[in-house]
């Protein structure tokens, strides 16, 4: 049987293929371009899943995967069959099936980093800092929380085509509406704009309140992006606040430093 580290690596690689298949599927359903047909990539995902289950000697599990694979492969629309979610958005029925099997596999091999924000997403967010404040791309530096939200979300959509703008979390008494949701990495993102020292405490209160309201079985990771016009608090300070407040490690704060919009001086 495979070593646990190798199992995790194999599952990680499979999830990368699933993300690629997601991107092809999104492009294909948007453009109707036959060259973007995701069928081949989706079939590769199934084959990797079969190989992993075979290596793990999970014979009954492999039989279920193979049965699903054969059923889809021989169906009229094959791996390119399209379903619709409650909002009317298209999704891949094949990828939905694959994710169910992957989730089942992952439950056998818990990882200490499983609930943390993925390294890929953190790196993307940090690299975005230069882009969203680039005045060759945007007329001004960000001046509001909405600026941060729209600019970052527009870039993330290119990497995570399943991104949702302001997904709704339905609760018994009150519904909550985070800024961004990315189902493929089970992550919610909230943006904060900080331009005054006196607002530090207010934003801290908002984040701590959100960590309670955003708890959901459908979302496992929570990321807060604090954009500050100058250095008010370090990223270490913010994350220490979370830990001291009893917030688990599936919640992370990233600090992006920018600059306030300066007014041009009038010529005398």
Protein backbone atom coordinates (compact mmCIF):
# COMPACT_ATOMS: atom_id res chain seq x y z
CA UNK A 1 0.00 0.00 0.00
CA UNK A 2 1.14 3.56 -0.67
CA UNK A 3 2.75 5.63 2.11
CA UNK A 4 0.40 8.22 3.64
CA UNK A 5 2.56 11.09 2.34
CA UNK A 6 2.33 9.66 -1.18
CA UNK A 7 -1.43 9.23 -0.85
CA UNK A 8 -1.83 12.87 0.12
CA UNK A 9 0.39 13.94 -2.76
CA UNK A 10 -1.59 11.82 -5.22
CA UNK A 11 -4.88 13.28 -3.98
CA UNK A 12 -3.38 16.78 -4.13
CA UNK A 13 -2.34 16.23 -7.75
CA UNK A 14 -5.78 14.87 -8.60
CA UNK A 15 -7.39 18.00 -7.15
CA UNK A 16 -5.14 20.12 -9.36
CA UNK A 17 -6.47 18.23 -12.40
CA UNK A 18 -10.01 18.77 -11.14
CA UNK A 19 -9.36 22.52 -10.91
CA UNK A 20 -7.99 22.50 -14.47
CA UNK A 21 -11.07 20.58 -15.63
CA UNK A 22 -13.23 23.17 -13.90
CA UNK A 23 -11.53 25.97 -15.83
CA UNK A 24 -11.94 24.15 -19.17
CA UNK A 25 -15.57 23.40 -18.36
CA UNK A 26 -16.28 27.04 -17.49
CA UNK A 27 -14.62 28.26 -20.71
CA UNK A 28 -16.44 25.64 -22.77
CA UNK A 29 -19.91 26.49 -21.39
CA UNK A 30 -19.23 30.21 -21.82
CA UNK A 31 -17.81 30.17 -25.37
CA UNK A 32 -19.31 26.98 -26.87
CA UNK A 33 -15.83 26.37 -28.28
CA UNK A 34 -15.37 22.67 -29.09
CA UNK A 35 -11.61 23.06 -28.65
CA UNK A 36 -12.24 23.82 -24.96
CA UNK A 37 -14.29 20.63 -24.44
CA UNK A 38 -13.26 19.40 -20.93
CA UNK A 39 -14.13 15.73 -21.56
CA UNK A 40 -10.55 14.49 -21.91
CA UNK A 41 -9.35 16.23 -18.73
CA UNK A 42 -12.38 15.01 -16.78
CA UNK A 43 -11.72 11.42 -17.92
CA UNK A 44 -8.10 11.74 -16.76
CA UNK A 45 -9.42 12.77 -13.32
CA UNK A 46 -11.53 9.60 -13.21
CA UNK A 47 -8.55 7.45 -14.26
CA UNK A 48 -6.36 8.98 -11.54
CA UNK A 49 -9.10 8.29 -9.00
CA UNK A 50 -9.26 4.67 -10.14
CA UNK A 51 -5.46 4.35 -9.89
CA UNK A 52 -5.41 5.76 -6.36
CA UNK A 53 -8.17 3.46 -5.15
CA UNK A 54 -6.38 0.49 -6.75
CA UNK A 55 -3.08 1.41 -5.06
CA UNK A 56 -4.89 1.67 -1.72
CA UNK A 57 -6.42 -1.76 -2.28
CA UNK A 58 -9.91 -0.33 -1.74
CA UNK A 59 -11.61 -2.86 -3.98
CA UNK A 60 -15.24 -2.05 -3.15
CA UNK A 61 -14.54 1.67 -3.41
CA UNK A 62 -12.83 1.13 -6.76
CA UNK A 63 -15.84 -0.84 -8.01
CA UNK A 64 -18.11 2.12 -7.21
CA UNK A 65 -15.77 4.55 -8.97
CA UNK A 66 -15.44 2.27 -12.00
CA UNK A 67 -19.22 1.79 -12.18
CA UNK A 68 -19.74 5.57 -12.19
CA UNK A 69 -16.93 6.04 -14.72
CA UNK A 70 -18.37 3.40 -17.08
CA UNK A 71 -21.90 4.78 -16.76
CA UNK A 72 -20.81 8.31 -17.66
CA UNK A 73 -18.42 7.24 -20.43
CA UNK A 74 -21.13 5.24 -22.21
CA UNK A 75 -23.89 7.81 -21.71
CA UNK A 76 -25.14 9.95 -24.58
CA UNK A 77 -23.38 13.17 -23.46
CA UNK A 78 -20.43 11.46 -21.80
CA UNK A 79 -18.09 13.51 -19.60
CA UNK A 80 -19.42 16.79 -20.99
CA UNK A 81 -22.93 16.52 -19.51
CA UNK A 82 -24.05 19.82 -17.97
CA UNK A 83 -26.22 20.25 -14.87
CA UNK A 84 -27.76 23.39 -13.35
CA UNK A 85 -27.51 24.50 -9.71
CA UNK A 86 -30.43 26.22 -7.88
CA UNK A 87 -29.21 29.61 -9.19
CA UNK A 88 -29.27 28.34 -12.77
CA UNK A 89 -25.47 28.28 -13.11
CA UNK A 90 -23.97 25.36 -15.09
CA UNK A 91 -21.84 22.70 -13.42
CA UNK A 92 -20.18 19.49 -14.56
CA UNK A 93 -22.10 16.40 -13.46
CA UNK A 94 -18.96 14.28 -13.93
CA UNK A 95 -16.79 16.56 -11.76
CA UNK A 96 -19.52 16.65 -9.11
CA UNK A 97 -19.35 12.85 -8.99
CA UNK A 98 -15.54 12.82 -8.84
CA UNK A 99 -15.51 15.29 -5.94
CA UNK A 100 -17.81 13.03 -3.91
CA UNK A 101 -15.28 10.21 -4.22
CA UNK A 102 -12.33 12.49 -3.46
CA UNK A 103 -14.03 13.84 -0.33
CA UNK A 104 -14.62 10.27 0.83
CA UNK A 105 -10.95 9.40 0.26
CA UNK A 106 -9.70 12.45 2.13
CA UNK A 107 -11.70 11.53 5.22
CA UNK A 108 -9.44 8.45 5.64
CA UNK A 109 -6.25 10.52 5.61
CA UNK A 110 -6.69 13.60 7.86
CA UNK A 111 -4.01 16.20 7.44
CA UNK A 112 -3.10 18.87 10.01
CA UNK A 113 -3.03 21.45 7.21
CA UNK A 114 -6.35 20.31 5.73
CA UNK A 115 -8.36 23.10 7.33
CA UNK A 116 -5.86 25.88 6.66
CA UNK A 117 -6.00 28.28 3.73
CA UNK A 118 -4.21 26.72 0.77
CA UNK A 119 -0.71 28.01 0.03
CA UNK A 120 -1.66 28.69 -3.61
CA UNK A 121 -4.50 31.03 -2.63
CA UNK A 122 -2.38 32.89 -0.06
CA UNK A 123 0.40 33.44 -2.59
CA UNK A 124 -2.05 34.71 -5.20
CA UNK A 125 -3.60 37.18 -2.74
CA UNK A 126 -0.19 38.51 -1.68
CA UNK A 127 1.00 38.85 -5.29
CA UNK A 128 -2.21 40.73 -6.13
CA UNK A 129 -1.11 43.65 -3.94
CA UNK A 130 1.00 45.26 -6.65
CA UNK A 131 -1.62 44.77 -9.34
CA UNK A 132 -4.60 46.32 -7.54
CA UNK A 133 -2.60 49.44 -6.68
CA UNK A 134 -0.99 49.78 -10.11
CA UNK A 135 -2.04 53.13 -11.58
CA UNK A 136 -1.16 51.97 -15.09
CA UNK A 137 -4.06 49.53 -14.75
CA UNK A 138 -6.39 51.55 -12.51
CA UNK A 139 -6.77 55.31 -12.46
CA UNK A 140 -6.25 55.50 -8.68
CA UNK A 141 -5.05 53.37 -5.81
CA UNK A 142 -7.91 51.62 -3.94
CA UNK A 143 -9.94 54.09 -1.90
CA UNK A 144 -12.67 51.86 -0.45
CA UNK A 145 -13.55 48.32 0.56
CA UNK A 146 -15.56 47.96 -2.66
CA UNK A 147 -12.45 48.83 -4.73
CA UNK A 148 -10.53 46.04 -3.00
CA UNK A 149 -13.41 43.60 -3.43
CA UNK A 150 -13.98 44.21 -7.16
CA UNK A 151 -10.29 44.30 -8.14
CA UNK A 152 -9.22 41.18 -6.24
CA UNK A 153 -12.33 39.21 -7.19
CA UNK A 154 -11.81 40.00 -10.87
CA UNK A 155 -8.32 38.49 -10.73
CA UNK A 156 -9.30 35.46 -8.64
CA UNK A 157 -12.09 34.62 -11.10
CA UNK A 158 -9.43 33.87 -13.72
CA UNK A 159 -7.86 31.27 -11.42
CA UNK A 160 -11.02 29.96 -9.74
CA UNK A 161 -13.85 29.98 -12.32
CA UNK A 162 -16.33 28.65 -9.75
CA UNK A 163 -15.92 31.83 -7.66
CA UNK A 164 -19.19 33.20 -6.25
CA UNK A 165 -19.84 36.93 -5.72
CA UNK A 166 -21.45 37.49 -2.31
CA UNK A 167 -22.73 33.95 -1.65
CA UNK A 168 -25.55 33.74 0.89
CA UNK A 169 -25.20 31.73 4.10
CA UNK A 170 -28.69 30.86 5.27
CA UNK A 171 -29.10 30.65 9.05
CA UNK A 172 -32.13 30.12 11.28
CA UNK A 173 -32.60 33.77 12.28
CA UNK A 174 -30.31 35.81 10.05
CA UNK A 175 -28.66 35.28 6.65
CA UNK A 176 -25.01 36.25 6.18
CA UNK A 177 -23.41 37.45 2.95
CA UNK A 178 -19.59 37.18 2.73
CA UNK A 179 -17.85 39.09 -0.06
CA UNK A 180 -16.46 36.11 -2.02
CA UNK A 181 -16.86 32.33 -1.97
CA UNK A 182 -14.69 29.79 -3.79
CA UNK A 183 -16.38 26.36 -3.58
CA UNK A 184 -13.46 24.43 -5.13
CA UNK A 185 -11.22 25.31 -2.15
CA UNK A 186 -14.15 25.65 0.31
CA UNK A 187 -13.04 29.18 1.20
CA UNK A 188 -14.89 32.40 2.04
CA UNK A 189 -13.12 35.73 1.63
CA UNK A 190 -13.97 39.05 3.30
CA UNK A 191 -12.28 42.36 2.46
CA UNK A 192 -11.53 45.26 4.81
CA UNK A 193 -10.22 48.75 3.98
CA UNK A 194 -8.20 50.48 6.71
CA UNK A 195 -7.14 54.10 6.34
CA UNK A 196 -7.35 55.48 9.91
CA UNK A 197 -5.78 54.36 13.18
CA UNK A 198 -9.07 54.84 15.00
CA UNK A 199 -10.72 52.22 12.74
CA UNK A 200 -8.37 49.40 13.77
CA UNK A 201 -10.55 48.40 16.74
CA UNK A 202 -13.74 48.61 14.68
CA UNK A 203 -12.40 46.32 11.97
CA UNK A 204 -11.10 43.90 14.60
CA UNK A 205 -14.61 43.74 16.09
CA UNK A 206 -16.13 43.19 12.63
CA UNK A 207 -13.75 40.31 11.87
CA UNK A 208 -14.36 38.57 15.19
CA UNK A 209 -18.13 38.94 14.71
CA UNK A 210 -17.88 37.53 11.18
CA UNK A 211 -15.94 34.46 12.35
CA UNK A 212 -19.02 33.42 14.32
CA UNK A 213 -21.62 34.24 11.69
CA UNK A 214 -19.74 32.60 8.81
CA UNK A 215 -19.45 29.17 10.44
CA UNK A 216 -20.95 26.68 7.97
CA UNK A 217 -20.64 23.01 7.02
CA UNK A 218 -20.24 24.06 3.37
CA UNK A 219 -17.17 26.26 3.97
CA UNK A 220 -14.05 25.01 5.75
CA UNK A 221 -11.68 27.97 5.38
CA UNK A 222 -12.04 31.70 5.97
CA UNK A 223 -9.72 34.44 4.72
CA UNK A 224 -9.82 38.13 5.64
CA UNK A 225 -7.91 40.52 3.40
CA UNK A 226 -7.08 43.78 5.19
CA UNK A 227 -5.90 46.50 2.83
CA UNK A 228 -4.26 49.36 4.73
CA UNK A 229 -3.24 52.68 3.21
CA UNK A 230 -0.19 52.68 5.51
CA UNK A 231 1.17 50.36 8.17
CA UNK A 232 -1.21 50.22 11.13
CA UNK A 233 -0.82 46.63 12.37
CA UNK A 234 1.30 43.75 11.11
CA UNK A 235 -0.16 40.55 9.72
CA UNK A 236 1.31 38.75 12.74
CA UNK A 237 -0.61 41.10 15.07
CA UNK A 238 -3.91 40.40 13.32
CA UNK A 239 -3.49 36.63 13.34
CA UNK A 240 -2.38 36.70 16.96
CA UNK A 241 -5.68 38.47 17.73
CA UNK A 242 -7.54 35.56 16.14
CA UNK A 243 -5.65 32.92 18.10
CA UNK A 244 -6.00 34.81 21.41
CA UNK A 245 -9.74 35.14 20.73
CA UNK A 246 -10.09 31.38 20.29
CA UNK A 247 -10.59 31.49 16.50
CA UNK A 248 -9.30 28.21 14.96
CA UNK A 249 -6.53 28.04 12.35
CA UNK A 250 -8.95 27.60 9.47
CA UNK A 251 -9.28 31.41 9.64
CA UNK A 252 -6.41 33.59 8.39
CA UNK A 253 -5.82 37.31 7.90
CA UNK A 254 -3.64 38.66 5.07
CA UNK A 255 -2.51 42.29 5.18
CA UNK A 256 -1.91 44.20 1.95
CA UNK A 257 -0.22 47.57 2.24
CA UNK A 258 -1.06 50.32 -0.23
CA UNK A 259 -1.15 54.06 -0.22
CA UNK A 260 -3.82 56.65 0.25
CA UNK A 261 -4.85 58.65 -2.79
CA UNK A 262 -2.93 61.91 -2.68
CA UNK A 263 -4.44 65.15 -3.82
CA UNK A 264 -2.46 67.10 -6.33
CA UNK A 265 -1.12 70.36 -5.00
CA UNK A 266 -2.45 73.45 -6.72
CA UNK A 267 0.12 75.53 -8.50
CA UNK A 268 0.59 78.94 -6.98
